[in-house]
Amino acid sequence: MEICTEVDNLFWDPHPLGEGVKTKPLVTKREHDLNVSCILVKVPAGIEIPEHTHEEQTDILYPLSGKAEMYVLLISMN
């Protein structure tokens, strides 16, 4: 299966985890029947995403710009 996505043709959607946080789904488990999701996320400076978990998948944080800090099992990954 080949998935090709034109990123510029996708819209940014508001995300409920933080004010001003937006997501742009590229590939999702639900829409593409895969066991993976790849989503661009915009987080405004100074906004914190509350602690949360995903039962069926793992987050991978890859900042394209700015700085971020992520905790995995209470260990800082920055």
C-alpha atoms as a PDB file:
ATOM      1  CA  MET A   1       0.000   0.000   0.000  1.00  0.00           C
ATOM      2  CA  GLU A   2       1.291   3.465  -0.851  1.00  0.00           C
ATOM      3  CA  ILE A   3       0.040   6.562   0.922  1.00  0.00           C
ATOM      4  CA  CYS A   4       0.935   9.918  -0.550  1.00  0.00           C
ATOM      5  CA  THR A   5      -0.320  13.028   1.203  1.00  0.00           C
ATOM      6  CA  GLU A   6      -0.122  16.602  -0.030  1.00  0.00           C
ATOM      7  CA  VAL A   7       0.496  18.344   3.301  1.00  0.00           C
ATOM      8  CA  ASP A   8      -0.507  21.763   1.975  1.00  0.00           C
ATOM      9  CA  ASN A   9      -3.954  20.408   1.034  1.00  0.00           C
ATOM     10  CA  LEU A  10      -4.708  19.330   4.620  1.00  0.00           C
ATOM     11  CA  PHE A  11      -6.272  21.593   7.227  1.00  0.00           C
ATOM     12  CA  TRP A  12      -5.102  22.300  10.771  1.00  0.00           C
ATOM     13  CA  ASP A  13      -7.695  21.085  13.279  1.00  0.00           C
ATOM     14  CA  PRO A  14      -8.017  22.461  16.833  1.00  0.00           C
ATOM     15  CA  HIS A  15      -7.003  19.947  19.497  1.00  0.00           C
ATOM     16  CA  PRO A  16      -8.690  19.809  22.930  1.00  0.00           C
ATOM     17  CA  LEU A  17      -5.463  19.175  24.896  1.00  0.00           C
ATOM     18  CA  GLY A  18      -4.399  22.815  24.979  1.00  0.00           C
ATOM     19  CA  GLU A  19      -5.434  26.293  23.901  1.00  0.00           C
ATOM     20  CA  GLY A  20      -4.111  27.051  20.437  1.00  0.00           C
ATOM     21  CA  VAL A  21      -2.888  23.475  19.873  1.00  0.00           C
ATOM     22  CA  LYS A  22      -3.591  22.289  16.321  1.00  0.00           C
ATOM     23  CA  THR A  23      -3.143  18.975  14.525  1.00  0.00           C
ATOM     24  CA  LYS A  24      -2.818  17.974  10.897  1.00  0.00           C
ATOM     25  CA  PRO A  25      -3.267  14.193  10.453  1.00  0.00           C
ATOM     26  CA  LEU A  26      -1.060  12.756   7.693  1.00  0.00           C
ATOM     27  CA  VAL A  27      -1.731   9.047   8.246  1.00  0.00           C
ATOM     28  CA  THR A  28      -4.115   7.686  10.856  1.00  0.00           C
ATOM     29  CA  LYS A  29      -4.981   4.261  12.158  1.00  0.00           C
ATOM     30  CA  ARG A  30      -8.680   5.006  11.756  1.00  0.00           C
ATOM     31  CA  GLU A  31      -8.634   6.452   8.224  1.00  0.00           C
ATOM     32  CA  HIS A  32      -5.969   4.211   6.667  1.00  0.00           C
ATOM     33  CA  ASP A  33      -6.589   0.937   8.570  1.00  0.00           C
ATOM     34  CA  LEU A  34      -2.971   0.835   9.778  1.00  0.00           C
ATOM     35  CA  ASN A  35      -1.453   0.234  13.189  1.00  0.00           C
ATOM     36  CA  VAL A  36       0.235   3.649  13.152  1.00  0.00           C
ATOM     37  CA  SER A  37      -0.637   7.329  13.023  1.00  0.00           C
ATOM     38  CA  CYS A  38       1.540  10.232  11.896  1.00  0.00           C
ATOM     39  CA  ILE A  39       0.237  13.656  12.859  1.00  0.00           C
ATOM     40  CA  LEU A  40       1.793  17.109  12.667  1.00  0.00           C
ATOM     41  CA  VAL A  41       1.148  19.078  15.852  1.00  0.00           C
ATOM     42  CA  LYS A  42       1.503  22.835  16.433  1.00  0.00           C
ATOM     43  CA  VAL A  43       1.897  23.863  20.065  1.00  0.00           C
ATOM     44  CA  PRO A  44       2.202  27.601  20.777  1.00  0.00           C
ATOM     45  CA  ALA A  45       5.166  28.685  22.916  1.00  0.00           C
ATOM     46  CA  GLY A  46       4.405  28.442  26.619  1.00  0.00           C
ATOM     47  CA  ILE A  47       1.521  25.986  26.237  1.00  0.00           C
ATOM     48  CA  GLU A  48       1.802  22.675  28.089  1.00  0.00           C
ATOM     49  CA  ILE A  49       0.063  19.516  26.984  1.00  0.00           C
ATOM     50  CA  PRO A  50      -1.448  17.833  30.066  1.00  0.00           C
ATOM     51  CA  GLU A  51      -0.165  14.425  31.101  1.00  0.00           C
ATOM     52  CA  HIS A  52      -1.985  11.740  29.150  1.00  0.00           C
ATOM     53  CA  THR A  53      -1.568   8.217  27.813  1.00  0.00           C
ATOM     54  CA  HIS A  54      -2.556   6.276  24.731  1.00  0.00           C
ATOM     55  CA  GLU A  55      -3.676   2.705  25.345  1.00  0.00           C
ATOM     56  CA  GLU A  56      -2.948   1.384  21.857  1.00  0.00           C
ATOM     57  CA  GLN A  57      -0.017   3.423  20.586  1.00  0.00           C
ATOM     58  CA  THR A  58       3.044   5.391  21.590  1.00  0.00           C
ATOM     59  CA  ASP A  59       3.814   9.061  20.951  1.00  0.00           C
ATOM     60  CA  ILE A  60       7.066   9.919  19.209  1.00  0.00           C
ATOM     61  CA  LEU A  61       8.048  13.552  19.616  1.00  0.00           C
ATOM     62  CA  TYR A  62      10.096  15.094  16.784  1.00  0.00           C
ATOM     63  CA  PRO A  63      10.194  18.904  17.035  1.00  0.00           C
ATOM     64  CA  LEU A  64      10.570  20.643  13.672  1.00  0.00           C
ATOM     65  CA  SER A  65      11.234  23.988  15.339  1.00  0.00           C
ATOM     66  CA  GLY A  66      11.427  25.428  18.832  1.00  0.00           C
ATOM     67  CA  LYS A  67      12.064  23.354  21.936  1.00  0.00           C
ATOM     68  CA  ALA A  68      10.042  20.692  23.705  1.00  0.00           C
ATOM     69  CA  GLU A  69      10.303  18.452  26.723  1.00  0.00           C
ATOM     70  CA  MET A  70       8.509  15.124  27.022  1.00  0.00           C
ATOM     71  CA  TYR A  71       8.349  12.815  30.032  1.00  0.00           C
ATOM     72  CA  VAL A  72       8.266   9.050  29.599  1.00  0.00           C
ATOM     73  CA  LEU A  73       7.651   7.119  32.820  1.00  0.00           C
ATOM     74  CA  LEU A  74       8.540  10.315  34.731  1.00  0.00           C
ATOM     75  CA  ILE A  75      11.951  10.595  32.993  1.00  0.00           C
ATOM     76  CA  SER A  76      12.636  13.863  31.139  1.00  0.00           C
ATOM     77  CA  MET A  77      13.356  13.491  27.408  1.00  0.00           C
ATOM     78  CA  ASN A  78      14.611  16.893  26.233  1.00  0.00           C
END
